[in-house]
N, C-alpha and C. Protein backbone atom coordinates (compact mmCIF):
# COMPACT_ATOMS: atom_id res chain seq x y z
N MET A 1 0.82 -1.40 -0.14
CA MET A 1 0.30 -0.01 0.07
C MET A 1 0.84 1.07 0.14
N LEU A 2 2.02 1.41 0.46
CA LEU A 2 3.13 2.15 0.46
C LEU A 2 3.27 2.44 -1.02
N ALA A 3 3.58 1.69 -1.93
CA ALA A 3 4.01 1.87 -3.10
C ALA A 3 2.88 2.49 -3.85
N LEU A 4 1.57 2.08 -3.51
CA LEU A 4 0.40 2.92 -4.25
C LEU A 4 0.35 4.24 -3.64
N SER A 5 0.66 4.40 -2.63
CA SER A 5 0.57 5.94 -1.70
C SER A 5 1.87 7.01 -2.64
N TYR A 6 2.84 6.23 -2.69
CA TYR A 6 4.06 7.06 -3.67
C TYR A 6 3.52 7.03 -4.78
N LEU A 7 2.85 6.02 -5.29
CA LEU A 7 1.91 6.52 -6.96
C LEU A 7 1.22 7.61 -7.05
N HIS A 8 0.41 7.53 -6.28
CA HIS A 8 -0.56 8.74 -6.24
C HIS A 8 0.30 10.05 -5.68
N ALA A 9 1.02 10.03 -5.12
CA ALA A 9 1.68 11.36 -4.62
C ALA A 9 2.74 12.04 -5.44
N LEU A 10 3.31 10.83 -6.55
CA LEU A 10 3.85 11.41 -7.87
C LEU A 10 3.01 11.98 -8.75
N PRO A 11 3.77 13.44 -9.42
CA PRO A 11 3.18 14.19 -10.29
C PRO A 11 2.66 13.28 -11.79
N LYS A 12 3.31 12.32 -12.20
CA LYS A 12 3.14 11.49 -13.01
C LYS A 12 3.02 10.24 -12.53
N LYS A 13 2.03 9.25 -13.28
CA LYS A 13 1.99 7.95 -12.59
C LYS A 13 3.66 7.07 -12.96
N ASN A 14 4.61 7.07 -12.33
CA ASN A 14 5.69 6.36 -12.49
C ASN A 14 6.07 5.53 -11.34
N TYR A 15 5.42 4.07 -12.18
CA TYR A 15 5.48 3.21 -11.25
C TYR A 15 7.05 2.61 -11.08
N PHE A 16 7.80 2.78 -11.46
CA PHE A 16 9.20 2.35 -10.95
C PHE A 16 9.79 3.40 -10.07
N LEU A 17 9.67 4.56 -9.96
CA LEU A 17 9.90 5.25 -8.98
C LEU A 17 9.19 4.93 -7.52
N ALA A 18 7.67 4.85 -7.79
CA ALA A 18 6.89 4.04 -6.80
C ALA A 18 7.56 3.07 -6.03
N TRP A 19 7.80 2.22 -6.77
CA TRP A 19 8.63 0.92 -6.26
C TRP A 19 9.88 1.27 -5.62
N ILE A 20 10.61 1.77 -6.33
CA ILE A 20 11.77 2.06 -5.57
C ILE A 20 11.92 2.80 -4.15
N LEU A 21 11.22 3.66 -4.26
CA LEU A 21 10.84 4.73 -3.09
C LEU A 21 10.48 3.42 -1.97
N ALA A 22 9.33 2.73 -2.19
CA ALA A 22 9.02 1.60 -1.35
C ALA A 22 10.01 1.07 -0.67
N MET A 23 10.79 0.42 -1.84
CA MET A 23 12.00 -0.40 -1.30
C MET A 23 13.06 0.30 -0.54
N LEU A 24 13.38 1.80 -0.78
CA LEU A 24 14.15 2.46 0.08
C LEU A 24 13.42 2.53 1.54
N TYR A 25 12.47 2.87 1.37
CA TYR A 25 11.65 2.78 3.00
C TYR A 25 11.71 1.53 3.57
N SER A 26 11.63 0.47 2.89
CA SER A 26 11.79 -0.92 3.58
C SER A 26 13.09 -1.07 4.14
N LEU A 27 13.94 -1.08 3.63
CA LEU A 27 15.58 -0.59 3.65
C LEU A 27 15.70 -0.18 4.96
N THR A 28 15.14 1.11 5.11
CA THR A 28 15.30 1.93 6.40
C THR A 28 14.74 1.32 7.34
N ASP A 29 13.54 0.95 7.39
CA ASP A 29 12.74 0.29 8.39
C ASP A 29 13.73 -1.15 9.23
N GLU A 30 14.21 -1.72 7.79
CA GLU A 30 15.02 -2.99 8.37
C GLU A 30 16.07 -2.42 9.29
N TYR A 31 16.71 -1.07 8.89
CA TYR A 31 17.95 -0.76 9.66
C TYR A 31 17.42 -0.14 11.06
N HIS A 32 16.28 0.30 10.97
CA HIS A 32 15.74 1.01 12.28
C HIS A 32 15.33 -0.08 13.37
N GLN A 33 14.98 -1.29 12.53
CA GLN A 33 14.79 -2.69 13.56
C GLN A 33 15.96 -3.10 14.33
N SER A 34 17.00 -2.63 13.69
CA SER A 34 18.45 -3.15 14.22
C SER A 34 18.63 -2.63 15.36
N PHE A 35 18.13 -1.64 15.91
CA PHE A 35 18.56 -0.60 17.59
C PHE A 35 16.93 -1.13 18.41
N VAL A 36 16.14 -2.15 17.77
CA VAL A 36 14.95 -2.13 18.53
C VAL A 36 15.18 -3.75 19.46
N PRO A 37 15.43 -3.62 20.61
CA PRO A 37 15.48 -4.77 21.35
C PRO A 37 14.61 -5.75 20.83
N GLY A 38 14.86 -7.30 21.06
CA GLY A 38 13.76 -7.97 20.44
C GLY A 38 13.47 -8.10 18.77
N ARG A 39 13.65 -7.12 17.99
CA ARG A 39 13.67 -7.45 16.73
C ARG A 39 15.27 -7.66 15.80
N THR A 40 14.97 -8.11 14.87
CA THR A 40 16.27 -8.70 14.15
C THR A 40 15.76 -7.86 12.72
N PRO A 41 17.08 -7.17 11.86
CA PRO A 41 16.75 -6.66 10.69
C PRO A 41 17.22 -8.02 9.56
N SER A 42 16.17 -7.98 8.77
CA SER A 42 16.40 -9.12 7.46
C SER A 42 16.34 -8.54 6.19
N LEU A 43 17.20 -8.64 5.37
CA LEU A 43 17.35 -8.77 4.08
C LEU A 43 16.24 -9.39 3.50
N ILE A 44 15.85 -10.60 3.75
CA ILE A 44 14.79 -11.36 2.94
C ILE A 44 13.36 -10.75 3.20
N ASP A 45 13.17 -9.87 4.31
CA ASP A 45 12.20 -9.21 4.46
C ASP A 45 11.90 -8.38 3.66
N VAL A 46 12.84 -7.65 3.24
CA VAL A 46 12.99 -6.15 2.19
C VAL A 46 13.01 -6.94 0.67
N PHE A 47 13.43 -7.84 0.50
CA PHE A 47 13.87 -8.18 -1.22
C PHE A 47 12.80 -9.41 -1.50
N VAL A 48 12.04 -10.08 -0.73
CA VAL A 48 11.14 -10.86 -0.70
C VAL A 48 10.01 -10.46 -0.34
N PHE A 49 9.62 -10.36 0.67
CA PHE A 49 8.31 -10.02 1.11
C PHE A 49 7.50 -8.75 0.81
N ASP A 50 8.34 -7.59 0.95
CA ASP A 50 8.06 -6.13 0.81
C ASP A 50 8.13 -5.75 -0.78
N ASN A 51 9.15 -6.45 -1.51
CA ASN A 51 9.39 -6.54 -3.03
C ASN A 51 8.21 -7.30 -3.36
N ILE A 52 7.64 -8.14 -2.97
CA ILE A 52 6.54 -8.76 -3.72
C ILE A 52 5.26 -8.05 -3.29
N GLY A 53 5.18 -7.27 -2.19
CA GLY A 53 4.12 -6.59 -1.93
C GLY A 53 3.78 -5.67 -2.66
N ALA A 54 5.03 -4.68 -3.01
CA ALA A 54 5.18 -3.71 -3.86
C ALA A 54 4.91 -3.88 -4.94
N VAL A 55 5.19 -4.80 -5.64
CA VAL A 55 5.13 -5.36 -6.93
C VAL A 55 3.84 -5.71 -7.47
N LEU A 56 3.26 -6.54 -6.67
CA LEU A 56 1.82 -6.88 -7.02
C LEU A 56 0.95 -5.81 -6.90
N THR A 57 1.35 -5.11 -5.71
CA THR A 57 -0.02 -4.17 -5.51
C THR A 57 0.16 -2.93 -6.73
N LEU A 58 1.76 -2.85 -7.62
CA LEU A 58 1.39 -1.56 -8.37
C LEU A 58 1.15 -2.53 -9.91
N LEU A 59 1.27 -3.79 -9.90
CA LEU A 59 0.97 -4.32 -11.21
C LEU A 59 -0.58 -4.59 -11.06
N PHE A 60 -1.26 -4.75 -10.03
CA PHE A 60 -2.53 -4.97 -10.12
C PHE A 60 -3.40 -3.36 -10.03
N HIS A 61 -2.52 -2.41 -9.83
CA HIS A 61 -2.89 -1.22 -10.02
C HIS A 61 -3.31 -0.70 -11.43
N LYS A 62 -1.77 -1.07 -12.12
CA LYS A 62 -1.62 -0.72 -13.66
C LYS A 62 -2.40 -1.51 -14.18
N ARG A 63 -2.87 -2.60 -14.24
CA ARG A 63 -4.05 -3.37 -14.62
C ARG A 63 -5.54 -2.76 -14.57
N TRP A 64 -5.76 -2.69 -13.50
CA TRP A 64 -6.99 -2.14 -13.02
C TRP A 64 -6.72 -0.52 -13.90
N ALA A 65 -5.87 0.31 -13.88
CA ALA A 65 -6.15 1.66 -14.23
C ALA A 65 -6.33 1.59 -16.03
N ASP A 66 -5.54 0.60 -16.51
CA ASP A 66 -5.26 0.07 -18.00
C ASP A 66 -7.04 0.16 -18.53
N LYS A 67 -7.58 -0.67 -17.61
CA LYS A 67 -9.04 -1.16 -18.28
C LYS A 67 -9.76 0.30 -18.42
N LYS A 68 -9.72 1.32 -17.44
CA LYS A 68 -10.63 2.05 -17.35
C LYS A 68 -10.54 3.28 -18.73
């Protein structure tokens, strides 16, 4: 949903930039987790789970927007 929010905030519908911004936020969130007791940072979270969520959301939006 963050990638979709970025997409709507951009002046032009730039799906690639929205994805990049979501991935950058994900990286900073994992970095933040390294300072929180009981939490561990994981690049798997960034490059697998967060990436899949951002890509699928943007793909569904693109497909839905193209049908209109």
